[in-house]
Amino acid sequence: MLLTKFTHACVRLEQDGRVLVLDPGIFSESAEALAGADVVLVTHEHPDHYDAAALRQALCDAPRLRIYAPAGVAQDLQNRAPEHAARIFVSAAGESFGVAGFAVQCFGGQHAVIHPSMPMVANVGYLIDDDVYHPGDSLIVPHGVSVGTLLVPIHAPWSKVSEVVDFVVSVRSPRAFQIHDALLSEKGLAFTESHVARIGALHGVAFRHLAPGQSVEI
C-alpha cells in the first residue's frame, strides 16, 4: 500500500489501483488528494478535516466516489449535494464495513475536549485493512486490534505532548507518522516529534516525519 501525506490531517492510500482518502480539509491540497479517489473517510466536522466544497466537487467529478462520515457531516454534505446524497453514508464508532476493496473499522465516537465551554462534536477514528489507523481529533486507542501504521495527531488545541507520547506508547504500532501538524512552526514540530520518536522507540515504535506530498510504501 502506498501512503501519501498531505498538509495537516489528510492522507491518501493507494493499493491495486484503488484509492482511499482520509480527512481532506481546508489546510490540505484537497483537489490533488481527491483525484481518482474511490472512497473518502471523514473523521469529523471541523473544516481542517472536512473541506465541504472540495468534496462536493469531487462527487460531481467522480460518479463512483463514496463518502463516509459522522451523521452531522454526512447530512451537511447531502444538503450541499442533494443530487449525490445516495453516495454519502453515515459512519459511527463500533461499525465495520468494506468499500472499494478496503476493510474499514470505526472507533471512538467523540472529539477530544478543547474547552468545557465549547460544544462536543462526533469524531470517528478509522482503521484501514487492519493496518493504518487515523484517529481524527482524538487519542482513542483502538481496542481488540493490532495497528501496523499509526497516524499521530502531533499537535492540537486539545492535546499536550505527554498525551501524544502516551497515545503512541499505548497503541505500540511498529510504524508511526505525524498528522495534524499545520499549527506548529518548523522548530516547534521538530521539538515535539523528537520526544515522540525518542520515547516511542523505547517501546518498539519507529516514528518518521513525512513532508506534505511525500509518499511511503507500507
N, C-alpha and C. Protein backbone atom coordinates (compact mmCIF):
# COMPACT_ATOMS: atom_id res chain seq x y z
N MET A 1 0.83 -1.19 0.00
CA MET A 1 0.00 0.00 0.00
C MET A 1 0.88 1.25 0.00
N LEU A 2 0.50 2.24 -0.81
CA LEU A 2 1.22 3.50 -0.85
C LEU A 2 0.47 4.52 -0.02
N LEU A 3 1.16 5.12 0.93
CA LEU A 3 0.59 6.16 1.79
C LEU A 3 1.21 7.50 1.41
N THR A 4 0.38 8.48 1.12
CA THR A 4 0.85 9.83 0.81
C THR A 4 0.28 10.81 1.82
N LYS A 5 1.16 11.58 2.44
CA LYS A 5 0.75 12.59 3.40
C LYS A 5 0.55 13.92 2.70
N PHE A 6 -0.57 14.58 3.02
CA PHE A 6 -0.81 15.94 2.56
C PHE A 6 -0.78 16.87 3.77
N THR A 7 -0.82 18.15 3.53
CA THR A 7 -0.73 19.11 4.62
C THR A 7 -1.81 18.86 5.67
N HIS A 8 -1.39 18.89 6.91
CA HIS A 8 -2.22 18.74 8.10
C HIS A 8 -2.72 17.29 8.26
N ALA A 9 -4.02 17.05 8.18
CA ALA A 9 -4.56 15.75 8.59
C ALA A 9 -4.95 14.84 7.44
N CYS A 10 -4.69 15.24 6.21
CA CYS A 10 -5.13 14.47 5.05
C CYS A 10 -4.10 13.42 4.63
N VAL A 11 -4.59 12.21 4.40
CA VAL A 11 -3.74 11.10 3.97
C VAL A 11 -4.45 10.37 2.83
N ARG A 12 -3.68 9.94 1.84
CA ARG A 12 -4.20 9.18 0.70
C ARG A 12 -3.56 7.80 0.70
N LEU A 13 -4.37 6.76 0.55
CA LEU A 13 -3.90 5.38 0.48
C LEU A 13 -4.23 4.81 -0.89
N GLU A 14 -3.25 4.17 -1.51
CA GLU A 14 -3.44 3.57 -2.83
C GLU A 14 -2.98 2.12 -2.80
N GLN A 15 -3.81 1.24 -3.36
CA GLN A 15 -3.46 -0.18 -3.42
C GLN A 15 -4.21 -0.85 -4.56
N ASP A 16 -3.47 -1.49 -5.44
CA ASP A 16 -4.06 -2.25 -6.56
C ASP A 16 -5.03 -1.39 -7.37
N GLY A 17 -4.65 -0.14 -7.61
CA GLY A 17 -5.48 0.73 -8.42
C GLY A 17 -6.65 1.36 -7.70
N ARG A 18 -6.78 1.10 -6.40
CA ARG A 18 -7.87 1.65 -5.60
C ARG A 18 -7.32 2.78 -4.72
N VAL A 19 -8.17 3.80 -4.47
CA VAL A 19 -7.72 4.97 -3.73
C VAL A 19 -8.71 5.31 -2.61
N LEU A 20 -8.17 5.47 -1.41
CA LEU A 20 -8.96 5.89 -0.24
C LEU A 20 -8.30 7.14 0.34
N VAL A 21 -9.10 8.15 0.64
CA VAL A 21 -8.60 9.41 1.18
C VAL A 21 -9.24 9.68 2.53
N LEU A 22 -8.41 10.08 3.49
CA LEU A 22 -8.87 10.41 4.83
C LEU A 22 -8.73 11.91 5.07
N ASP A 23 -9.77 12.53 5.56
CA ASP A 23 -9.78 13.90 6.07
C ASP A 23 -9.16 14.96 5.16
N PRO A 24 -9.68 15.11 3.94
CA PRO A 24 -9.25 16.24 3.13
C PRO A 24 -9.87 17.52 3.71
N GLY A 25 -9.03 18.40 4.26
CA GLY A 25 -9.52 19.60 4.90
C GLY A 25 -9.05 20.85 4.19
N ILE A 26 -9.44 22.00 4.71
CA ILE A 26 -9.14 23.26 4.02
C ILE A 26 -7.66 23.63 4.10
N PHE A 27 -6.90 23.03 5.01
CA PHE A 27 -5.46 23.26 5.04
C PHE A 27 -4.71 22.36 4.05
N SER A 28 -5.39 21.37 3.53
CA SER A 28 -4.76 20.34 2.70
C SER A 28 -4.90 20.65 1.22
N GLU A 29 -4.11 19.93 0.42
CA GLU A 29 -4.22 20.02 -1.03
C GLU A 29 -5.34 19.09 -1.48
N SER A 30 -6.58 19.49 -1.16
CA SER A 30 -7.71 18.57 -1.29
C SER A 30 -7.93 18.07 -2.70
N ALA A 31 -7.87 18.96 -3.68
CA ALA A 31 -8.12 18.54 -5.07
C ALA A 31 -7.11 17.49 -5.51
N GLU A 32 -5.86 17.69 -5.16
CA GLU A 32 -4.82 16.72 -5.51
C GLU A 32 -5.04 15.40 -4.78
N ALA A 33 -5.36 15.47 -3.50
CA ALA A 33 -5.58 14.25 -2.72
C ALA A 33 -6.77 13.46 -3.24
N LEU A 34 -7.80 14.15 -3.70
CA LEU A 34 -9.05 13.51 -4.09
C LEU A 34 -9.05 13.01 -5.54
N ALA A 35 -8.06 13.36 -6.31
CA ALA A 35 -8.03 12.96 -7.72
C ALA A 35 -8.05 11.45 -7.85
N GLY A 36 -9.06 10.92 -8.52
CA GLY A 36 -9.17 9.49 -8.75
C GLY A 36 -9.60 8.68 -7.55
N ALA A 37 -10.06 9.34 -6.49
CA ALA A 37 -10.44 8.61 -5.27
C ALA A 37 -11.69 7.77 -5.48
N ASP A 38 -11.70 6.60 -4.84
CA ASP A 38 -12.88 5.73 -4.83
C ASP A 38 -13.73 5.94 -3.59
N VAL A 39 -13.06 6.28 -2.49
CA VAL A 39 -13.78 6.46 -1.22
C VAL A 39 -13.06 7.49 -0.37
N VAL A 40 -13.85 8.26 0.38
CA VAL A 40 -13.32 9.24 1.32
C VAL A 40 -13.92 8.95 2.69
N LEU A 41 -13.06 8.98 3.71
CA LEU A 41 -13.49 8.84 5.10
C LEU A 41 -13.21 10.16 5.81
N VAL A 42 -14.24 10.71 6.44
CA VAL A 42 -14.11 11.96 7.19
C VAL A 42 -14.30 11.65 8.67
N THR A 43 -13.39 12.13 9.50
CA THR A 43 -13.48 11.82 10.94
C THR A 43 -14.47 12.72 11.67
N HIS A 44 -14.54 14.02 11.29
CA HIS A 44 -15.44 14.92 12.00
C HIS A 44 -15.64 16.21 11.22
N GLU A 45 -16.42 17.11 11.77
CA GLU A 45 -16.95 18.24 11.03
C GLU A 45 -16.04 19.47 10.94
N HIS A 46 -14.98 19.53 11.69
CA HIS A 46 -14.15 20.73 11.66
C HIS A 46 -13.50 20.91 10.29
N PRO A 47 -13.44 22.14 9.79
CA PRO A 47 -13.01 22.36 8.41
C PRO A 47 -11.56 21.98 8.11
N ASP A 48 -10.72 21.87 9.14
CA ASP A 48 -9.35 21.41 8.84
C ASP A 48 -9.32 19.92 8.53
N HIS A 49 -10.47 19.24 8.68
CA HIS A 49 -10.61 17.83 8.32
C HIS A 49 -11.69 17.62 7.24
N TYR A 50 -12.53 18.61 7.06
CA TYR A 50 -13.70 18.46 6.18
C TYR A 50 -13.80 19.68 5.26
N ASP A 51 -13.28 19.54 4.05
CA ASP A 51 -13.37 20.57 3.03
C ASP A 51 -14.64 20.31 2.23
N ALA A 52 -15.72 20.92 2.65
CA ALA A 52 -17.03 20.63 2.06
C ALA A 52 -17.07 20.97 0.58
N ALA A 53 -16.52 22.09 0.19
CA ALA A 53 -16.55 22.49 -1.22
C ALA A 53 -15.78 21.51 -2.09
N ALA A 54 -14.61 21.08 -1.61
CA ALA A 54 -13.80 20.13 -2.39
C ALA A 54 -14.51 18.79 -2.51
N LEU A 55 -15.17 18.35 -1.46
CA LEU A 55 -15.86 17.06 -1.51
C LEU A 55 -17.09 17.14 -2.41
N ARG A 56 -17.79 18.25 -2.39
CA ARG A 56 -18.92 18.39 -3.30
C ARG A 56 -18.45 18.33 -4.74
N GLN A 57 -17.34 19.01 -5.04
CA GLN A 57 -16.81 18.97 -6.41
C GLN A 57 -16.35 17.58 -6.78
N ALA A 58 -15.75 16.87 -5.84
CA ALA A 58 -15.29 15.51 -6.12
C ALA A 58 -16.46 14.59 -6.43
N LEU A 59 -17.56 14.77 -5.74
CA LEU A 59 -18.76 13.97 -6.02
C LEU A 59 -19.27 14.24 -7.43
N CYS A 60 -19.19 15.49 -7.86
CA CYS A 60 -19.63 15.84 -9.21
C CYS A 60 -18.70 15.26 -10.27
N ASP A 61 -17.41 15.23 -9.96
CA ASP A 61 -16.40 14.81 -10.94
C ASP A 61 -16.26 13.29 -11.05
N ALA A 62 -16.58 12.57 -9.98
CA ALA A 62 -16.32 11.12 -9.93
C ALA A 62 -17.59 10.37 -9.57
N PRO A 63 -18.30 9.82 -10.54
CA PRO A 63 -19.58 9.15 -10.28
C PRO A 63 -19.47 7.94 -9.36
N ARG A 64 -18.28 7.36 -9.23
CA ARG A 64 -18.14 6.17 -8.39
C ARG A 64 -17.76 6.50 -6.95
N LEU A 65 -17.41 7.76 -6.67
CA LEU A 65 -16.92 8.14 -5.35
C LEU A 65 -17.99 7.96 -4.29
N ARG A 66 -17.56 7.38 -3.14
CA ARG A 66 -18.42 7.24 -1.97
C ARG A 66 -17.75 7.90 -0.78
N ILE A 67 -18.56 8.53 0.07
CA ILE A 67 -18.04 9.26 1.21
C ILE A 67 -18.72 8.75 2.48
N TYR A 68 -17.90 8.50 3.50
CA TYR A 68 -18.39 8.06 4.81
C TYR A 68 -17.97 9.08 5.86
N ALA A 69 -18.91 9.45 6.74
CA ALA A 69 -18.63 10.48 7.73
C ALA A 69 -19.64 10.38 8.87
N PRO A 70 -19.33 10.97 10.03
CA PRO A 70 -20.33 11.03 11.10
C PRO A 70 -21.61 11.69 10.62
N ALA A 71 -22.70 11.44 11.32
CA ALA A 71 -24.03 11.83 10.86
C ALA A 71 -24.14 13.31 10.51
N GLY A 72 -23.58 14.18 11.34
CA GLY A 72 -23.70 15.61 11.09
C GLY A 72 -23.00 16.03 9.82
N VAL A 73 -21.84 15.45 9.56
CA VAL A 73 -21.09 15.76 8.34
C VAL A 73 -21.82 15.20 7.12
N ALA A 74 -22.28 13.97 7.24
CA ALA A 74 -23.00 13.35 6.12
C ALA A 74 -24.23 14.16 5.75
N GLN A 75 -24.98 14.62 6.76
CA GLN A 75 -26.18 15.41 6.49
C GLN A 75 -25.83 16.74 5.84
N ASP A 76 -24.79 17.39 6.33
CA ASP A 76 -24.36 18.66 5.75
C ASP A 76 -23.98 18.50 4.29
N LEU A 77 -23.23 17.43 3.99
CA LEU A 77 -22.80 17.23 2.61
C LEU A 77 -23.97 16.84 1.72
N GLN A 78 -24.92 16.07 2.24
CA GLN A 78 -26.12 15.74 1.48
C GLN A 78 -26.93 16.99 1.16
N ASN A 79 -26.97 17.92 2.11
CA ASN A 79 -27.67 19.18 1.86
C ASN A 79 -26.98 20.01 0.79
N ARG A 80 -25.65 19.94 0.75
CA ARG A 80 -24.88 20.71 -0.23
C ARG A 80 -24.92 20.06 -1.62
N ALA A 81 -25.06 18.73 -1.63
CA ALA A 81 -25.05 18.00 -2.90
C ALA A 81 -26.18 16.98 -2.92
N PRO A 82 -27.43 17.44 -2.90
CA PRO A 82 -28.57 16.51 -2.81
C PRO A 82 -28.64 15.52 -3.95
N GLU A 83 -28.13 15.91 -5.12
CA GLU A 83 -28.16 15.00 -6.27
C GLU A 83 -27.22 13.81 -6.09
N HIS A 84 -26.31 13.90 -5.12
CA HIS A 84 -25.36 12.82 -4.86
C HIS A 84 -25.55 12.19 -3.48
N ALA A 85 -26.69 12.45 -2.86
CA ALA A 85 -26.92 12.01 -1.48
C ALA A 85 -26.81 10.50 -1.31
N ALA A 86 -27.14 9.74 -2.36
CA ALA A 86 -27.12 8.28 -2.26
C ALA A 86 -25.71 7.73 -2.13
N ARG A 87 -24.70 8.55 -2.39
CA ARG A 87 -23.30 8.09 -2.28
C ARG A 87 -22.60 8.65 -1.04
N ILE A 88 -23.41 9.19 -0.12
CA ILE A 88 -22.88 9.74 1.13
C ILE A 88 -23.46 8.91 2.27
N PHE A 89 -22.59 8.32 3.09
CA PHE A 89 -23.01 7.36 4.11
C PHE A 89 -22.57 7.81 5.50
N VAL A 90 -23.34 7.38 6.49
CA VAL A 90 -23.02 7.68 7.89
C VAL A 90 -22.13 6.59 8.45
N SER A 91 -21.06 7.02 9.14
CA SER A 91 -20.20 6.08 9.87
C SER A 91 -20.30 6.38 11.36
N ALA A 92 -20.11 5.34 12.18
CA ALA A 92 -20.21 5.52 13.63
C ALA A 92 -19.29 4.52 14.32
N ALA A 93 -18.85 4.88 15.50
CA ALA A 93 -17.97 4.01 16.28
C ALA A 93 -18.61 2.64 16.47
N GLY A 94 -17.80 1.59 16.34
CA GLY A 94 -18.28 0.22 16.51
C GLY A 94 -18.68 -0.45 15.21
N GLU A 95 -18.78 0.32 14.15
CA GLU A 95 -19.16 -0.26 12.86
C GLU A 95 -17.94 -0.77 12.09
N SER A 96 -18.18 -1.72 11.20
CA SER A 96 -17.18 -2.21 10.26
C SER A 96 -17.86 -2.34 8.90
N PHE A 97 -17.12 -2.02 7.85
CA PHE A 97 -17.68 -2.16 6.51
C PHE A 97 -16.56 -2.30 5.50
N GLY A 98 -16.90 -2.79 4.33
CA GLY A 98 -15.97 -2.87 3.23
C GLY A 98 -16.40 -1.91 2.14
N VAL A 99 -15.43 -1.20 1.55
CA VAL A 99 -15.76 -0.26 0.48
C VAL A 99 -14.56 -0.16 -0.46
N ALA A 100 -14.82 -0.29 -1.75
CA ALA A 100 -13.78 -0.18 -2.79
C ALA A 100 -12.61 -1.12 -2.51
N GLY A 101 -12.89 -2.27 -1.93
CA GLY A 101 -11.85 -3.24 -1.65
C GLY A 101 -11.07 -2.99 -0.38
N PHE A 102 -11.42 -1.95 0.38
CA PHE A 102 -10.77 -1.66 1.66
C PHE A 102 -11.67 -2.13 2.80
N ALA A 103 -11.06 -2.70 3.84
CA ALA A 103 -11.79 -3.06 5.05
C ALA A 103 -11.63 -1.93 6.06
N VAL A 104 -12.76 -1.45 6.59
CA VAL A 104 -12.75 -0.29 7.48
C VAL A 104 -13.41 -0.66 8.81
N GLN A 105 -12.74 -0.31 9.91
CA GLN A 105 -13.30 -0.43 11.26
C GLN A 105 -13.33 0.95 11.89
N CYS A 106 -14.40 1.24 12.65
CA CYS A 106 -14.61 2.56 13.22
C CYS A 106 -14.48 2.54 14.74
N PHE A 107 -13.80 3.54 15.28
CA PHE A 107 -13.54 3.61 16.71
C PHE A 107 -13.82 5.01 17.25
N GLY A 108 -13.90 5.10 18.56
CA GLY A 108 -14.02 6.40 19.23
C GLY A 108 -15.45 6.84 19.36
N GLY A 109 -15.79 7.91 18.66
CA GLY A 109 -17.14 8.45 18.68
C GLY A 109 -17.23 9.89 19.12
N GLN A 110 -16.20 10.39 19.82
CA GLN A 110 -16.27 11.74 20.38
C GLN A 110 -14.97 12.49 20.17
N HIS A 111 -15.09 13.74 19.77
CA HIS A 111 -13.93 14.63 19.62
C HIS A 111 -13.31 14.88 20.99
N ALA A 112 -12.00 15.01 21.04
CA ALA A 112 -11.34 15.36 22.29
C ALA A 112 -11.82 16.72 22.78
N VAL A 113 -11.83 16.90 24.10
CA VAL A 113 -12.30 18.15 24.70
C VAL A 113 -11.30 19.27 24.43
N ILE A 114 -11.77 20.35 23.82
CA ILE A 114 -10.94 21.54 23.62
C ILE A 114 -11.06 22.45 24.83
N HIS A 115 -12.30 22.72 25.23
CA HIS A 115 -12.60 23.51 26.42
C HIS A 115 -14.03 23.19 26.83
N PRO A 116 -14.31 23.12 28.14
CA PRO A 116 -15.67 22.77 28.59
C PRO A 116 -16.75 23.70 28.04
N SER A 117 -16.40 24.92 27.67
CA SER A 117 -17.39 25.86 27.14
C SER A 117 -17.72 25.62 25.67
N MET A 118 -16.95 24.75 25.01
CA MET A 118 -17.14 24.52 23.59
C MET A 118 -17.94 23.24 23.36
N PRO A 119 -18.93 23.27 22.47
CA PRO A 119 -19.76 22.09 22.22
C PRO A 119 -18.93 20.90 21.74
N MET A 120 -19.33 19.72 22.19
CA MET A 120 -18.69 18.48 21.76
C MET A 120 -19.25 18.05 20.41
N VAL A 121 -18.40 17.52 19.55
CA VAL A 121 -18.86 17.00 18.26
C VAL A 121 -18.43 15.55 18.11
N ALA A 122 -19.10 14.85 17.20
CA ALA A 122 -18.76 13.45 16.94
C ALA A 122 -17.43 13.36 16.22
N ASN A 123 -16.70 12.30 16.51
CA ASN A 123 -15.42 12.02 15.85
C ASN A 123 -15.29 10.51 15.70
N VAL A 124 -15.00 10.06 14.49
CA VAL A 124 -14.83 8.63 14.23
C VAL A 124 -13.40 8.38 13.76
N GLY A 125 -12.69 7.51 14.47
CA GLY A 125 -11.37 7.07 14.03
C GLY A 125 -11.52 5.85 13.14
N TYR A 126 -10.65 5.73 12.14
CA TYR A 126 -10.76 4.65 11.16
C TYR A 126 -9.50 3.79 11.13
N LEU A 127 -9.69 2.47 11.16
CA LEU A 127 -8.61 1.51 10.92
C LEU A 127 -8.84 0.89 9.55
N ILE A 128 -7.85 1.03 8.68
CA ILE A 128 -7.97 0.57 7.29
C ILE A 128 -7.15 -0.70 7.09
N ASP A 129 -7.81 -1.74 6.60
CA ASP A 129 -7.16 -3.01 6.27
C ASP A 129 -6.32 -3.56 7.42
N ASP A 130 -6.83 -3.41 8.64
CA ASP A 130 -6.13 -3.92 9.83
C ASP A 130 -4.70 -3.39 9.92
N ASP A 131 -4.48 -2.18 9.42
CA ASP A 131 -3.13 -1.64 9.38
C ASP A 131 -3.09 -0.18 9.76
N VAL A 132 -3.63 0.71 8.92
CA VAL A 132 -3.50 2.16 9.09
C VAL A 132 -4.62 2.69 9.98
N TYR A 133 -4.23 3.38 11.06
CA TYR A 133 -5.22 3.95 11.98
C TYR A 133 -5.11 5.47 11.99
N HIS A 134 -6.21 6.13 11.62
CA HIS A 134 -6.34 7.59 11.66
C HIS A 134 -7.36 7.91 12.74
N PRO A 135 -6.93 8.52 13.85
CA PRO A 135 -7.87 8.75 14.97
C PRO A 135 -8.67 10.03 14.87
N GLY A 136 -8.42 10.85 13.81
CA GLY A 136 -9.09 12.14 13.76
C GLY A 136 -8.61 13.01 14.91
N ASP A 137 -9.54 13.78 15.48
CA ASP A 137 -9.20 14.65 16.61
C ASP A 137 -9.50 13.94 17.92
N SER A 138 -8.73 12.90 18.18
CA SER A 138 -8.84 12.16 19.43
C SER A 138 -7.57 11.36 19.63
N LEU A 139 -7.41 10.90 20.84
CA LEU A 139 -6.30 10.00 21.15
C LEU A 139 -6.87 8.68 21.66
N ILE A 140 -7.92 8.22 21.00
CA ILE A 140 -8.58 6.96 21.36
C ILE A 140 -7.72 5.79 20.89
N VAL A 141 -7.38 4.91 21.81
CA VAL A 141 -6.63 3.69 21.48
C VAL A 141 -7.64 2.64 21.01
N PRO A 142 -7.51 2.14 19.79
CA PRO A 142 -8.47 1.16 19.29
C PRO A 142 -8.33 -0.16 20.04
N HIS A 143 -9.45 -0.73 20.45
CA HIS A 143 -9.43 -1.95 21.25
C HIS A 143 -9.59 -3.19 20.39
N GLY A 144 -8.94 -4.26 20.80
CA GLY A 144 -9.12 -5.55 20.15
C GLY A 144 -8.45 -5.70 18.81
N VAL A 145 -7.57 -4.78 18.45
CA VAL A 145 -6.88 -4.84 17.17
C VAL A 145 -5.40 -4.52 17.36
N SER A 146 -4.61 -4.89 16.36
CA SER A 146 -3.20 -4.51 16.33
C SER A 146 -3.00 -3.54 15.17
N VAL A 147 -2.48 -2.38 15.47
CA VAL A 147 -2.28 -1.35 14.46
C VAL A 147 -0.88 -1.48 13.88
N GLY A 148 -0.77 -1.49 12.56
CA GLY A 148 0.53 -1.58 11.92
C GLY A 148 1.14 -0.22 11.63
N THR A 149 0.28 0.75 11.30
CA THR A 149 0.73 2.09 10.93
C THR A 149 -0.14 3.11 11.64
N LEU A 150 0.45 3.86 12.54
CA LEU A 150 -0.30 4.84 13.33
C LEU A 150 -0.07 6.24 12.78
N LEU A 151 -1.16 6.95 12.56
CA LEU A 151 -1.11 8.36 12.18
C LEU A 151 -1.33 9.18 13.45
N VAL A 152 -0.31 9.93 13.84
CA VAL A 152 -0.28 10.57 15.16
C VAL A 152 -0.66 12.04 15.06
N PRO A 153 -1.76 12.47 15.70
CA PRO A 153 -2.06 13.91 15.78
C PRO A 153 -1.00 14.57 16.67
N ILE A 154 -0.02 15.17 16.03
CA ILE A 154 1.19 15.57 16.73
C ILE A 154 0.98 16.81 17.60
N HIS A 155 0.00 17.64 17.22
CA HIS A 155 -0.27 18.86 17.98
C HIS A 155 -1.70 19.32 17.71
N ALA A 156 -2.38 19.79 18.75
CA ALA A 156 -3.74 20.30 18.60
C ALA A 156 -4.09 21.17 19.79
N PRO A 157 -5.12 22.01 19.68
CA PRO A 157 -5.56 22.81 20.82
C PRO A 157 -6.08 21.96 21.98
N TRP A 158 -6.35 20.69 21.71
CA TRP A 158 -6.93 19.82 22.72
C TRP A 158 -5.92 18.84 23.32
N SER A 159 -4.64 18.95 22.98
CA SER A 159 -3.67 17.95 23.45
C SER A 159 -2.42 18.61 24.02
N LYS A 160 -1.62 17.81 24.70
CA LYS A 160 -0.29 18.22 25.13
C LYS A 160 0.68 17.10 24.80
N VAL A 161 1.96 17.40 24.82
CA VAL A 161 2.97 16.46 24.34
C VAL A 161 2.92 15.14 25.10
N SER A 162 2.76 15.20 26.42
CA SER A 162 2.75 13.95 27.20
C SER A 162 1.60 13.04 26.78
N GLU A 163 0.46 13.62 26.43
CA GLU A 163 -0.68 12.82 26.00
C GLU A 163 -0.42 12.18 24.64
N VAL A 164 0.22 12.92 23.76
CA VAL A 164 0.56 12.37 22.44
C VAL A 164 1.54 11.21 22.59
N VAL A 165 2.55 11.39 23.42
CA VAL A 165 3.53 10.32 23.66
C VAL A 165 2.85 9.10 24.25
N ASP A 166 1.99 9.30 25.23
CA ASP A 166 1.29 8.17 25.85
C ASP A 166 0.41 7.44 24.84
N PHE A 167 -0.19 8.17 23.92
CA PHE A 167 -1.01 7.57 22.87
C PHE A 167 -0.16 6.66 21.99
N VAL A 168 1.00 7.16 21.57
CA VAL A 168 1.91 6.37 20.73
C VAL A 168 2.37 5.12 21.46
N VAL A 169 2.72 5.28 22.72
CA VAL A 169 3.18 4.13 23.51
C VAL A 169 2.05 3.12 23.72
N SER A 170 0.85 3.60 23.92
CA SER A 170 -0.29 2.71 24.18
C SER A 170 -0.67 1.90 22.94
N VAL A 171 -0.65 2.54 21.77
CA VAL A 171 -1.01 1.82 20.54
C VAL A 171 0.10 0.85 20.14
N ARG A 172 1.36 1.28 20.29
CA ARG A 172 2.53 0.45 20.01
C ARG A 172 2.53 -0.16 18.62
N SER A 173 2.24 0.64 17.64
CA SER A 173 2.36 0.17 16.26
C SER A 173 3.83 0.21 15.86
N PRO A 174 4.27 -0.67 14.98
CA PRO A 174 5.68 -0.65 14.58
C PRO A 174 6.07 0.58 13.78
N ARG A 175 5.09 1.21 13.09
CA ARG A 175 5.36 2.40 12.29
C ARG A 175 4.44 3.53 12.73
N ALA A 176 4.95 4.76 12.71
CA ALA A 176 4.11 5.92 13.04
C ALA A 176 4.56 7.12 12.22
N PHE A 177 3.59 7.90 11.75
CA PHE A 177 3.84 9.12 11.01
C PHE A 177 2.96 10.23 11.58
N GLN A 178 3.40 11.45 11.47
CA GLN A 178 2.65 12.56 12.04
C GLN A 178 1.55 13.05 11.12
N ILE A 179 0.45 13.47 11.74
CA ILE A 179 -0.60 14.25 11.08
C ILE A 179 -0.96 15.40 12.02
N HIS A 180 -1.88 16.25 11.60
CA HIS A 180 -2.36 17.37 12.41
C HIS A 180 -1.18 18.24 12.86
N ASP A 181 -0.39 18.67 11.88
CA ASP A 181 0.87 19.36 12.17
C ASP A 181 0.93 20.79 11.64
N ALA A 182 -0.17 21.30 11.09
CA ALA A 182 -0.13 22.60 10.43
C ALA A 182 -0.11 23.78 11.41
N LEU A 183 -0.38 23.52 12.68
CA LEU A 183 -0.46 24.61 13.65
C LEU A 183 0.88 24.89 14.33
N LEU A 184 1.91 24.13 14.02
CA LEU A 184 3.22 24.31 14.63
C LEU A 184 4.22 24.91 13.64
N SER A 185 5.16 25.69 14.16
CA SER A 185 6.27 26.14 13.34
C SER A 185 7.20 24.97 13.06
N GLU A 186 8.12 25.15 12.14
CA GLU A 186 9.06 24.09 11.81
C GLU A 186 9.87 23.68 13.04
N LYS A 187 10.31 24.66 13.83
CA LYS A 187 11.09 24.35 15.03
C LYS A 187 10.23 23.66 16.09
N GLY A 188 9.01 24.14 16.27
CA GLY A 188 8.12 23.53 17.25
C GLY A 188 7.78 22.10 16.90
N LEU A 189 7.55 21.84 15.60
CA LEU A 189 7.24 20.49 15.15
C LEU A 189 8.41 19.55 15.39
N ALA A 190 9.61 20.00 15.05
CA ALA A 190 10.80 19.16 15.25
C ALA A 190 10.99 18.85 16.74
N PHE A 191 10.75 19.82 17.59
CA PHE A 191 10.89 19.63 19.03
C PHE A 191 9.91 18.57 19.54
N THR A 192 8.65 18.70 19.15
CA THR A 192 7.63 17.75 19.60
C THR A 192 7.88 16.36 19.04
N GLU A 193 8.23 16.28 17.76
CA GLU A 193 8.47 14.98 17.14
C GLU A 193 9.67 14.27 17.77
N SER A 194 10.65 15.03 18.25
CA SER A 194 11.81 14.39 18.86
C SER A 194 11.42 13.61 20.11
N HIS A 195 10.48 14.14 20.88
CA HIS A 195 10.01 13.42 22.07
C HIS A 195 9.24 12.15 21.68
N VAL A 196 8.38 12.29 20.69
CA VAL A 196 7.60 11.13 20.23
C VAL A 196 8.52 10.05 19.70
N ALA A 197 9.50 10.42 18.90
CA ALA A 197 10.43 9.45 18.31
C ALA A 197 11.28 8.78 19.37
N ARG A 198 11.81 9.56 20.30
CA ARG A 198 12.72 9.01 21.30
C ARG A 198 12.01 8.05 22.25
N ILE A 199 10.88 8.48 22.79
CA ILE A 199 10.17 7.63 23.75
C ILE A 199 9.45 6.50 23.04
N GLY A 200 8.91 6.76 21.86
CA GLY A 200 8.27 5.69 21.10
C GLY A 200 9.23 4.57 20.78
N ALA A 201 10.47 4.91 20.45
CA ALA A 201 11.47 3.89 20.12
C ALA A 201 11.73 2.94 21.28
N LEU A 202 11.60 3.44 22.50
CA LEU A 202 11.79 2.58 23.68
C LEU A 202 10.72 1.49 23.76
N HIS A 203 9.63 1.70 23.04
CA HIS A 203 8.51 0.75 23.07
C HIS A 203 8.28 0.11 21.70
N GLY A 204 9.28 0.15 20.85
CA GLY A 204 9.21 -0.56 19.57
C GLY A 204 8.52 0.19 18.46
N VAL A 205 8.31 1.51 18.62
CA VAL A 205 7.64 2.30 17.60
C VAL A 205 8.67 3.09 16.81
N ALA A 206 8.70 2.90 15.50
CA ALA A 206 9.60 3.67 14.63
C ALA A 206 8.83 4.84 14.06
N PHE A 207 9.08 6.02 14.61
CA PHE A 207 8.40 7.23 14.16
C PHE A 207 9.20 7.91 13.05
N ARG A 208 8.48 8.38 12.03
CA ARG A 208 9.13 9.06 10.90
C ARG A 208 8.31 10.26 10.47
N HIS A 209 8.99 11.35 10.23
CA HIS A 209 8.32 12.56 9.72
C HIS A 209 8.12 12.46 8.22
N LEU A 210 6.92 12.81 7.77
CA LEU A 210 6.63 12.90 6.33
C LEU A 210 6.29 14.33 5.97
N ALA A 211 6.92 14.82 4.93
CA ALA A 211 6.63 16.17 4.44
C ALA A 211 5.35 16.14 3.58
N PRO A 212 4.64 17.25 3.44
CA PRO A 212 3.47 17.27 2.57
C PRO A 212 3.82 16.82 1.16
N GLY A 213 3.04 15.87 0.65
CA GLY A 213 3.27 15.32 -0.67
C GLY A 213 4.19 14.12 -0.70
N GLN A 214 4.81 13.81 0.42
CA GLN A 214 5.72 12.66 0.48
C GLN A 214 4.95 11.36 0.60
N SER A 215 5.43 10.32 -0.09
CA SER A 215 4.81 9.00 -0.09
C SER A 215 5.73 7.97 0.49
N VAL A 216 5.16 6.91 1.04
CA VAL A 216 5.93 5.82 1.61
C VAL A 216 5.16 4.52 1.41
N GLU A 217 5.87 3.46 1.08
CA GLU A 217 5.25 2.14 0.98
C GLU A 217 5.15 1.53 2.37
N ILE A 218 3.96 0.99 2.69
CA ILE A 218 3.77 0.35 3.99
C ILE A 218 3.24 -1.06 3.81
